[in-house]
Amino acid sequence: FKGEWDKVITHANAIYTDGNYKANIRQYTGSLYNLTFA
């Protein structure tokens, strides 16, 4: 919101120290795929 882009990147990088966002975001084509609607 403040437009401080470097700080956005710094804080986002700090969430996962290994940098692996891909394995930690919502897995619509992975673990969520075969679940029933309920």
ModelCIF file with pLDDT and N, C-alpha, C, O atoms, coordinates in Angstrom:
data_MODEL
#
_entry.id   MODEL 
#
_entity.id                         1 
_entity.type                       polymer 
_entity.pdbx_number_of_molecules   1 
#
_entity_poly.entity_id                      1 
_entity_poly.type                           'polypeptide(L)' 
_entity_poly.nstd_linkage                   no 
_entity_poly.nstd_monomer                   no 
_entity_poly.pdbx_seq_one_letter_code       FKGEWDKVITHANAIYTDGNYKANIRQYTGSLYNLTFA 
_entity_poly.pdbx_seq_one_letter_code_can   FKGEWDKVITHANAIYTDGNYKANIRQYTGSLYNLTFA 
_entity_poly.pdbx_strand_id                 A 
#
loop_
_entity_poly_seq.entity_id 
_entity_poly_seq.num 
_entity_poly_seq.mon_id 
_entity_poly_seq.hetero 
1 1  PHE n 
1 2  LYS n 
1 3  GLY n 
1 4  GLU n 
1 5  TRP n 
1 6  ASP n 
1 7  LYS n 
1 8  VAL n 
1 9  ILE n 
1 10 THR n 
1 11 HIS n 
1 12 ALA n 
1 13 ASN n 
1 14 ALA n 
1 15 ILE n 
1 16 TYR n 
1 17 THR n 
1 18 ASP n 
1 19 GLY n 
1 20 ASN n 
1 21 TYR n 
1 22 LYS n 
1 23 ALA n 
1 24 ASN n 
1 25 ILE n 
1 26 ARG n 
1 27 GLN n 
1 28 TYR n 
1 29 THR n 
1 30 GLY n 
1 31 SER n 
1 32 LEU n 
1 33 TYR n 
1 34 ASN n 
1 35 LEU n 
1 36 THR n 
1 37 PHE n 
1 38 ALA n 
#
_struct_asym.id          A 
_struct_asym.entity_id   1 
#
loop_
_ma_qa_metric.id 
_ma_qa_metric.mode 
_ma_qa_metric.name 
_ma_qa_metric.software_group_id 
_ma_qa_metric.type 
1 global pLDDT . pLDDT 
2 local  pLDDT . pLDDT 
#
_ma_qa_metric_global.metric_id      1 
_ma_qa_metric_global.metric_value   96.92 
_ma_qa_metric_global.model_id       1 
_ma_qa_metric_global.ordinal_id     1 
#
loop_
_ma_qa_metric_local.label_asym_id 
_ma_qa_metric_local.label_comp_id 
_ma_qa_metric_local.label_seq_id 
_ma_qa_metric_local.metric_id 
_ma_qa_metric_local.metric_value 
_ma_qa_metric_local.model_id 
_ma_qa_metric_local.ordinal_id 
A PHE 1  2 98.00 1 1  
A LYS 2  2 98.00 1 2  
A GLY 3  2 98.00 1 3  
A GLU 4  2 98.00 1 4  
A TRP 5  2 98.00 1 5  
A ASP 6  2 98.00 1 6  
A LYS 7  2 98.00 1 7  
A VAL 8  2 98.00 1 8  
A ILE 9  2 98.00 1 9  
A THR 10 2 98.00 1 10 
A HIS 11 2 98.00 1 11 
A ALA 12 2 98.00 1 12 
A ASN 13 2 98.00 1 13 
A ALA 14 2 98.00 1 14 
A ILE 15 2 98.00 1 15 
A TYR 16 2 95.00 1 16 
A THR 17 2 89.00 1 17 
A ASP 18 2 93.00 1 18 
A GLY 19 2 93.00 1 19 
A ASN 20 2 96.00 1 20 
A TYR 21 2 98.00 1 21 
A LYS 22 2 98.00 1 22 
A ALA 23 2 97.00 1 23 
A ASN 24 2 98.00 1 24 
A ILE 25 2 98.00 1 25 
A ARG 26 2 98.00 1 26 
A GLN 27 2 98.00 1 27 
A TYR 28 2 98.00 1 28 
A THR 29 2 97.00 1 29 
A GLY 30 2 97.00 1 30 
A SER 31 2 97.00 1 31 
A LEU 32 2 97.00 1 32 
A TYR 33 2 97.00 1 33 
A ASN 34 2 96.00 1 34 
A LEU 35 2 97.00 1 35 
A THR 36 2 96.00 1 36 
A PHE 37 2 95.00 1 37 
A ALA 38 2 95.00 1 38 
#
loop_
_atom_site.group_PDB 
_atom_site.id 
_atom_site.type_symbol 
_atom_site.label_atom_id 
_atom_site.label_alt_id 
_atom_site.label_comp_id 
_atom_site.label_asym_id 
_atom_site.label_entity_id 
_atom_site.label_seq_id 
_atom_site.pdbx_PDB_ins_code 
_atom_site.Cartn_x 
_atom_site.Cartn_y 
_atom_site.Cartn_z 
_atom_site.occupancy 
_atom_site.B_iso_or_equiv 
_atom_site.pdbx_formal_charge 
_atom_site.auth_seq_id 
_atom_site.auth_comp_id 
_atom_site.auth_asym_id 
_atom_site.auth_atom_id 
_atom_site.pdbx_PDB_model_num 
ATOM 1   N N  . PHE A 1 1  ? 0.831   -1.204  0.000  1.00 98.00 ? 1  PHE A N  1 
ATOM 2   C CA . PHE A 1 1  ? 0.000   0.000   0.000  1.00 98.00 ? 1  PHE A CA 1 
ATOM 3   C C  . PHE A 1 1  ? 0.866   1.254   0.000  1.00 98.00 ? 1  PHE A C  1 
ATOM 4   O O  . PHE A 1 1  ? 0.526   2.240   -0.654 1.00 98.00 ? 1  PHE A O  1 
ATOM 5   N N  . LYS A 1 2  ? 1.984   1.227   0.729  1.00 98.00 ? 2  LYS A N  1 
ATOM 6   C CA . LYS A 1 2  ? 2.862   2.391   0.805  1.00 98.00 ? 2  LYS A CA 1 
ATOM 7   C C  . LYS A 1 2  ? 3.734   2.576   -0.433 1.00 98.00 ? 2  LYS A C  1 
ATOM 8   O O  . LYS A 1 2  ? 4.307   3.645   -0.644 1.00 98.00 ? 2  LYS A O  1 
ATOM 9   N N  . GLY A 1 3  ? 3.829   1.533   -1.245 1.00 98.00 ? 3  GLY A N  1 
ATOM 10  C CA . GLY A 1 3  ? 4.666   1.622   -2.431 1.00 98.00 ? 3  GLY A CA 1 
ATOM 11  C C  . GLY A 1 3  ? 6.145   1.514   -2.142 1.00 98.00 ? 3  GLY A C  1 
ATOM 12  O O  . GLY A 1 3  ? 6.969   2.002   -2.916 1.00 98.00 ? 3  GLY A O  1 
ATOM 13  N N  . GLU A 1 4  ? 6.493   0.877   -1.032 1.00 98.00 ? 4  GLU A N  1 
ATOM 14  C CA . GLU A 1 4  ? 7.909   0.661   -0.698 1.00 98.00 ? 4  GLU A CA 1 
ATOM 15  C C  . GLU A 1 4  ? 8.268   -0.754  -1.132 1.00 98.00 ? 4  GLU A C  1 
ATOM 16  O O  . GLU A 1 4  ? 8.215   -1.704  -0.350 1.00 98.00 ? 4  GLU A O  1 
ATOM 17  N N  . TRP A 1 5  ? 8.632   -0.860  -2.391 1.00 98.00 ? 5  TRP A N  1 
ATOM 18  C CA . TRP A 1 5  ? 8.742   -2.166  -3.055 1.00 98.00 ? 5  TRP A CA 1 
ATOM 19  C C  . TRP A 1 5  ? 9.838   -3.036  -2.467 1.00 98.00 ? 5  TRP A C  1 
ATOM 20  O O  . TRP A 1 5  ? 9.653   -4.246  -2.334 1.00 98.00 ? 5  TRP A O  1 
ATOM 21  N N  . ASP A 1 6  ? 10.975  -2.450  -2.110 1.00 98.00 ? 6  ASP A N  1 
ATOM 22  C CA . ASP A 1 6  ? 12.059  -3.254  -1.545 1.00 98.00 ? 6  ASP A CA 1 
ATOM 23  C C  . ASP A 1 6  ? 11.655  -3.879  -0.213 1.00 98.00 ? 6  ASP A C  1 
ATOM 24  O O  . ASP A 1 6  ? 12.034  -5.011  0.085  1.00 98.00 ? 6  ASP A O  1 
ATOM 25  N N  . LYS A 1 7  ? 10.882  -3.138  0.589  1.00 98.00 ? 7  LYS A N  1 
ATOM 26  C CA . LYS A 1 7  ? 10.421  -3.684  1.871  1.00 98.00 ? 7  LYS A CA 1 
ATOM 27  C C  . LYS A 1 7  ? 9.404   -4.804  1.655  1.00 98.00 ? 7  LYS A C  1 
ATOM 28  O O  . LYS A 1 7  ? 9.383   -5.779  2.406  1.00 98.00 ? 7  LYS A O  1 
ATOM 29  N N  . VAL A 1 8  ? 8.572   -4.666  0.643  1.00 98.00 ? 8  VAL A N  1 
ATOM 30  C CA . VAL A 1 8  ? 7.641   -5.744  0.319  1.00 98.00 ? 8  VAL A CA 1 
ATOM 31  C C  . VAL A 1 8  ? 8.406   -7.029  0.030  1.00 98.00 ? 8  VAL A C  1 
ATOM 32  O O  . VAL A 1 8  ? 8.071   -8.096  0.545  1.00 98.00 ? 8  VAL A O  1 
ATOM 33  N N  . ILE A 1 9  ? 9.423   -6.913  -0.790 1.00 98.00 ? 9  ILE A N  1 
ATOM 34  C CA . ILE A 1 9  ? 10.224  -8.081  -1.173 1.00 98.00 ? 9  ILE A CA 1 
ATOM 35  C C  . ILE A 1 9  ? 10.949  -8.659  0.036  1.00 98.00 ? 9  ILE A C  1 
ATOM 36  O O  . ILE A 1 9  ? 10.989  -9.877  0.213  1.00 98.00 ? 9  ILE A O  1 
ATOM 37  N N  . THR A 1 10 ? 11.519  -7.798  0.864  1.00 98.00 ? 10 THR A N  1 
ATOM 38  C CA . THR A 1 10 ? 12.250  -8.261  2.049  1.00 98.00 ? 10 THR A CA 1 
ATOM 39  C C  . THR A 1 10 ? 11.334  -9.048  2.984  1.00 98.00 ? 10 THR A C  1 
ATOM 40  O O  . THR A 1 10 ? 11.698  -10.124 3.457  1.00 98.00 ? 10 THR A O  1 
ATOM 41  N N  . HIS A 1 11 ? 10.156  -8.509  3.244  1.00 98.00 ? 11 HIS A N  1 
ATOM 42  C CA . HIS A 1 11 ? 9.240   -9.181  4.173  1.00 98.00 ? 11 HIS A CA 1 
ATOM 43  C C  . HIS A 1 11 ? 8.666   -10.457 3.558  1.00 98.00 ? 11 HIS A C  1 
ATOM 44  O O  . HIS A 1 11 ? 8.506   -11.459 4.254  1.00 98.00 ? 11 HIS A O  1 
ATOM 45  N N  . ALA A 1 12 ? 8.361   -10.429 2.281  1.00 98.00 ? 12 ALA A N  1 
ATOM 46  C CA . ALA A 1 12 ? 7.858   -11.649 1.639  1.00 98.00 ? 12 ALA A CA 1 
ATOM 47  C C  . ALA A 1 12 ? 8.930   -12.732 1.627  1.00 98.00 ? 12 ALA A C  1 
ATOM 48  O O  . ALA A 1 12 ? 8.621   -13.908 1.817  1.00 98.00 ? 12 ALA A O  1 
ATOM 49  N N  . ASN A 1 13 ? 10.174  -12.353 1.407  1.00 98.00 ? 13 ASN A N  1 
ATOM 50  C CA . ASN A 1 13 ? 11.273  -13.330 1.418  1.00 98.00 ? 13 ASN A CA 1 
ATOM 51  C C  . ASN A 1 13 ? 11.456  -13.960 2.790  1.00 98.00 ? 13 ASN A C  1 
ATOM 52  O O  . ASN A 1 13 ? 11.874  -15.113 2.895  1.00 98.00 ? 13 ASN A O  1 
ATOM 53  N N  . ALA A 1 14 ? 11.143  -13.206 3.847  1.00 98.00 ? 14 ALA A N  1 
ATOM 54  C CA . ALA A 1 14 ? 11.375  -13.686 5.211  1.00 98.00 ? 14 ALA A CA 1 
ATOM 55  C C  . ALA A 1 14 ? 10.360  -14.735 5.653  1.00 98.00 ? 14 ALA A C  1 
ATOM 56  O O  . ALA A 1 14 ? 10.577  -15.405 6.663  1.00 98.00 ? 14 ALA A O  1 
ATOM 57  N N  . ILE A 1 15 ? 9.264   -14.893 4.926  1.00 98.00 ? 15 ILE A N  1 
ATOM 58  C CA . ILE A 1 15 ? 8.228   -15.829 5.349  1.00 98.00 ? 15 ILE A CA 1 
ATOM 59  C C  . ILE A 1 15 ? 8.707   -17.271 5.231  1.00 98.00 ? 15 ILE A C  1 
ATOM 60  O O  . ILE A 1 15 ? 8.474   -18.088 6.122  1.00 98.00 ? 15 ILE A O  1 
ATOM 61  N N  . TYR A 1 16 ? 9.375   -17.574 4.129  1.00 95.00 ? 16 TYR A N  1 
ATOM 62  C CA . TYR A 1 16 ? 9.926   -18.921 3.928  1.00 95.00 ? 16 TYR A CA 1 
ATOM 63  C C  . TYR A 1 16 ? 11.425  -18.798 3.706  1.00 95.00 ? 16 TYR A C  1 
ATOM 64  O O  . TYR A 1 16 ? 11.875  -18.316 2.666  1.00 95.00 ? 16 TYR A O  1 
ATOM 65  N N  . THR A 1 17 ? 12.180  -19.233 4.682  1.00 89.00 ? 17 THR A N  1 
ATOM 66  C CA . THR A 1 17 ? 13.633  -19.064 4.608  1.00 89.00 ? 17 THR A CA 1 
ATOM 67  C C  . THR A 1 17 ? 14.253  -19.858 3.471  1.00 89.00 ? 17 THR A C  1 
ATOM 68  O O  . THR A 1 17 ? 15.322  -19.503 2.973  1.00 89.00 ? 17 THR A O  1 
ATOM 69  N N  . ASP A 1 18 ? 13.574  -20.953 3.051  1.00 93.00 ? 18 ASP A N  1 
ATOM 70  C CA . ASP A 1 18 ? 14.094  -21.733 1.936  1.00 93.00 ? 18 ASP A CA 1 
ATOM 71  C C  . ASP A 1 18 ? 13.604  -21.203 0.584  1.00 93.00 ? 18 ASP A C  1 
ATOM 72  O O  . ASP A 1 18 ? 13.982  -21.725 -0.464 1.00 93.00 ? 18 ASP A O  1 
ATOM 73  N N  . GLY A 1 19 ? 12.765  -20.170 0.614  1.00 93.00 ? 19 GLY A N  1 
ATOM 74  C CA . GLY A 1 19 ? 12.284  -19.556 -0.618 1.00 93.00 ? 19 GLY A CA 1 
ATOM 75  C C  . GLY A 1 19 ? 11.245  -20.355 -1.372 1.00 93.00 ? 19 GLY A C  1 
ATOM 76  O O  . GLY A 1 19 ? 10.887  -19.998 -2.495 1.00 93.00 ? 19 GLY A O  1 
ATOM 77  N N  . ASN A 1 20 ? 10.750  -21.438 -0.773 1.00 96.00 ? 20 ASN A N  1 
ATOM 78  C CA . ASN A 1 20 ? 9.873   -22.346 -1.519 1.00 96.00 ? 20 ASN A CA 1 
ATOM 79  C C  . ASN A 1 20 ? 8.394   -21.977 -1.337 1.00 96.00 ? 20 ASN A C  1 
ATOM 80  O O  . ASN A 1 20 ? 7.666   -22.646 -0.605 1.00 96.00 ? 20 ASN A O  1 
ATOM 81  N N  . TYR A 1 21 ? 7.969   -20.921 -2.002 1.00 98.00 ? 21 TYR A N  1 
ATOM 82  C CA . TYR A 1 21 ? 6.557   -20.551 -1.974 1.00 98.00 ? 21 TYR A CA 1 
ATOM 83  C C  . TYR A 1 21 ? 5.691   -21.575 -2.700 1.00 98.00 ? 21 TYR A C  1 
ATOM 84  O O  . TYR A 1 21 ? 4.575   -21.870 -2.274 1.00 98.00 ? 21 TYR A O  1 
ATOM 85  N N  . LYS A 1 22 ? 6.208   -22.106 -3.782 1.00 98.00 ? 22 LYS A N  1 
ATOM 86  C CA . LYS A 1 22 ? 5.417   -22.983 -4.643 1.00 98.00 ? 22 LYS A CA 1 
ATOM 87  C C  . LYS A 1 22 ? 4.819   -24.153 -3.869 1.00 98.00 ? 22 LYS A C  1 
ATOM 88  O O  . LYS A 1 22 ? 3.692   -24.562 -4.149 1.00 98.00 ? 22 LYS A O  1 
ATOM 89  N N  . ALA A 1 23 ? 5.555   -24.697 -2.899 1.00 97.00 ? 23 ALA A N  1 
ATOM 90  C CA . ALA A 1 23 ? 5.065   -25.845 -2.132 1.00 97.00 ? 23 ALA A CA 1 
ATOM 91  C C  . ALA A 1 23 ? 4.159   -25.443 -0.982 1.00 97.00 ? 23 ALA A C  1 
ATOM 92  O O  . ALA A 1 23 ? 3.516   -26.297 -0.372 1.00 97.00 ? 23 ALA A O  1 
ATOM 93  N N  . ASN A 1 24 ? 4.100   -24.140 -0.677 1.00 98.00 ? 24 ASN A N  1 
ATOM 94  C CA . ASN A 1 24 ? 3.379   -23.695 0.513  1.00 98.00 ? 24 ASN A CA 1 
ATOM 95  C C  . ASN A 1 24 ? 2.100   -22.935 0.231  1.00 98.00 ? 24 ASN A C  1 
ATOM 96  O O  . ASN A 1 24 ? 1.328   -22.672 1.153  1.00 98.00 ? 24 ASN A O  1 
ATOM 97  N N  . ILE A 1 25 ? 1.852   -22.573 -1.032 1.00 98.00 ? 25 ILE A N  1 
ATOM 98  C CA . ILE A 1 25 ? 0.605   -21.884 -1.353 1.00 98.00 ? 25 ILE A CA 1 
ATOM 99  C C  . ILE A 1 25 ? -0.501  -22.908 -1.594 1.00 98.00 ? 25 ILE A C  1 
ATOM 100 O O  . ILE A 1 25 ? -0.237  -24.110 -1.610 1.00 98.00 ? 25 ILE A O  1 
ATOM 101 N N  . ARG A 1 26 ? -1.722  -22.451 -1.780 1.00 98.00 ? 26 ARG A N  1 
ATOM 102 C CA . ARG A 1 26 ? -2.875  -23.338 -1.950 1.00 98.00 ? 26 ARG A CA 1 
ATOM 103 C C  . ARG A 1 26 ? -2.665  -24.272 -3.144 1.00 98.00 ? 26 ARG A C  1 
ATOM 104 O O  . ARG A 1 26 ? -2.362  -23.831 -4.253 1.00 98.00 ? 26 ARG A O  1 
ATOM 105 N N  . GLN A 1 27 ? -2.831  -25.551 -2.894 1.00 98.00 ? 27 GLN A N  1 
ATOM 106 C CA . GLN A 1 27 ? -2.499  -26.570 -3.890 1.00 98.00 ? 27 GLN A CA 1 
ATOM 107 C C  . GLN A 1 27 ? -3.765  -27.063 -4.605 1.00 98.00 ? 27 GLN A C  1 
ATOM 108 O O  . GLN A 1 27 ? -4.227  -28.181 -4.378 1.00 98.00 ? 27 GLN A O  1 
ATOM 109 N N  . TYR A 1 28 ? -4.313  -26.205 -5.473 1.00 98.00 ? 28 TYR A N  1 
ATOM 110 C CA . TYR A 1 28 ? -5.529  -26.570 -6.194 1.00 98.00 ? 28 TYR A CA 1 
ATOM 111 C C  . TYR A 1 28 ? -5.321  -27.761 -7.124 1.00 98.00 ? 28 TYR A C  1 
ATOM 112 O O  . TYR A 1 28 ? -6.249  -28.538 -7.353 1.00 98.00 ? 28 TYR A O  1 
ATOM 113 N N  . THR A 1 29 ? -4.124  -27.910 -7.655 1.00 97.00 ? 29 THR A N  1 
ATOM 114 C CA . THR A 1 29 ? -3.842  -29.051 -8.534 1.00 97.00 ? 29 THR A CA 1 
ATOM 115 C C  . THR A 1 29 ? -3.063  -30.139 -7.802 1.00 97.00 ? 29 THR A C  1 
ATOM 116 O O  . THR A 1 29 ? -2.599  -31.104 -8.410 1.00 97.00 ? 29 THR A O  1 
ATOM 117 N N  . GLY A 1 30 ? -2.928  -29.972 -6.491 1.00 97.00 ? 30 GLY A N  1 
ATOM 118 C CA . GLY A 1 30 ? -2.202  -30.947 -5.687 1.00 97.00 ? 30 GLY A CA 1 
ATOM 119 C C  . GLY A 1 30 ? -3.081  -31.545 -4.617 1.00 97.00 ? 30 GLY A C  1 
ATOM 120 O O  . GLY A 1 30 ? -4.014  -32.291 -4.915 1.00 97.00 ? 30 GLY A O  1 
ATOM 121 N N  . SER A 1 31 ? -2.782  -31.214 -3.348 1.00 97.00 ? 31 SER A N  1 
ATOM 122 C CA . SER A 1 31 ? -3.475  -31.866 -2.237 1.00 97.00 ? 31 SER A CA 1 
ATOM 123 C C  . SER A 1 31 ? -4.962  -31.546 -2.164 1.00 97.00 ? 31 SER A C  1 
ATOM 124 O O  . SER A 1 31 ? -5.720  -32.315 -1.573 1.00 97.00 ? 31 SER A O  1 
ATOM 125 N N  . LEU A 1 32 ? -5.402  -30.435 -2.749 1.00 97.00 ? 32 LEU A N  1 
ATOM 126 C CA . LEU A 1 32 ? -6.820  -30.088 -2.741 1.00 97.00 ? 32 LEU A CA 1 
ATOM 127 C C  . LEU A 1 32 ? -7.596  -30.712 -3.903 1.00 97.00 ? 32 LEU A C  1 
ATOM 128 O O  . LEU A 1 32 ? -8.824  -30.648 -3.945 1.00 97.00 ? 32 LEU A O  1 
ATOM 129 N N  . TYR A 1 33 ? -6.866  -31.313 -4.840 1.00 97.00 ? 33 TYR A N  1 
ATOM 130 C CA . TYR A 1 33 ? -7.488  -31.687 -6.117 1.00 97.00 ? 33 TYR A CA 1 
ATOM 131 C C  . TYR A 1 33 ? -8.572  -32.754 -5.975 1.00 97.00 ? 33 TYR A C  1 
ATOM 132 O O  . TYR A 1 33 ? -9.659  -32.602 -6.533 1.00 97.00 ? 33 TYR A O  1 
ATOM 133 N N  . ASN A 1 34 ? -8.296  -33.810 -5.251 1.00 96.00 ? 34 ASN A N  1 
ATOM 134 C CA . ASN A 1 34 ? -9.216  -34.954 -5.197 1.00 96.00 ? 34 ASN A CA 1 
ATOM 135 C C  . ASN A 1 34 ? -10.238 -34.880 -4.073 1.00 96.00 ? 34 ASN A C  1 
ATOM 136 O O  . ASN A 1 34 ? -10.977 -35.838 -3.847 1.00 96.00 ? 34 ASN A O  1 
ATOM 137 N N  . LEU A 1 35 ? -10.288 -33.770 -3.376 1.00 97.00 ? 35 LEU A N  1 
ATOM 138 C CA . LEU A 1 35 ? -11.237 -33.645 -2.273 1.00 97.00 ? 35 LEU A CA 1 
ATOM 139 C C  . LEU A 1 35 ? -12.659 -33.497 -2.792 1.00 97.00 ? 35 LEU A C  1 
ATOM 140 O O  . LEU A 1 35 ? -12.888 -32.949 -3.870 1.00 97.00 ? 35 LEU A O  1 
ATOM 141 N N  . THR A 1 36 ? -13.602 -33.991 -2.016 1.00 96.00 ? 36 THR A N  1 
ATOM 142 C CA . THR A 1 36 ? -14.999 -33.788 -2.356 1.00 96.00 ? 36 THR A CA 1 
ATOM 143 C C  . THR A 1 36 ? -15.361 -32.332 -2.116 1.00 96.00 ? 36 THR A C  1 
ATOM 144 O O  . THR A 1 36 ? -14.608 -31.575 -1.504 1.00 96.00 ? 36 THR A O  1 
ATOM 145 N N  . PHE A 1 37 ? -16.536 -31.959 -2.615 1.00 95.00 ? 37 PHE A N  1 
ATOM 146 C CA . PHE A 1 37 ? -17.007 -30.584 -2.438 1.00 95.00 ? 37 PHE A CA 1 
ATOM 147 C C  . PHE A 1 37 ? -17.121 -30.248 -0.950 1.00 95.00 ? 37 PHE A C  1 
ATOM 148 O O  . PHE A 1 37 ? -16.813 -29.128 -0.542 1.00 95.00 ? 37 PHE A O  1 
ATOM 149 N N  . ALA A 1 38 ? -17.556 -31.199 -0.150 1.00 95.00 ? 38 ALA A N  1 
ATOM 150 C CA . ALA A 1 38 ? -17.705 -30.964 1.293  1.00 95.00 ? 38 ALA A CA 1 
ATOM 151 C C  . ALA A 1 38 ? -16.356 -30.926 2.001  1.00 95.00 ? 38 ALA A C  1 
ATOM 152 O O  . ALA A 1 38 ? -16.302 -30.738 3.216  1.00 95.00 ? 38 ALA A O  1 
#
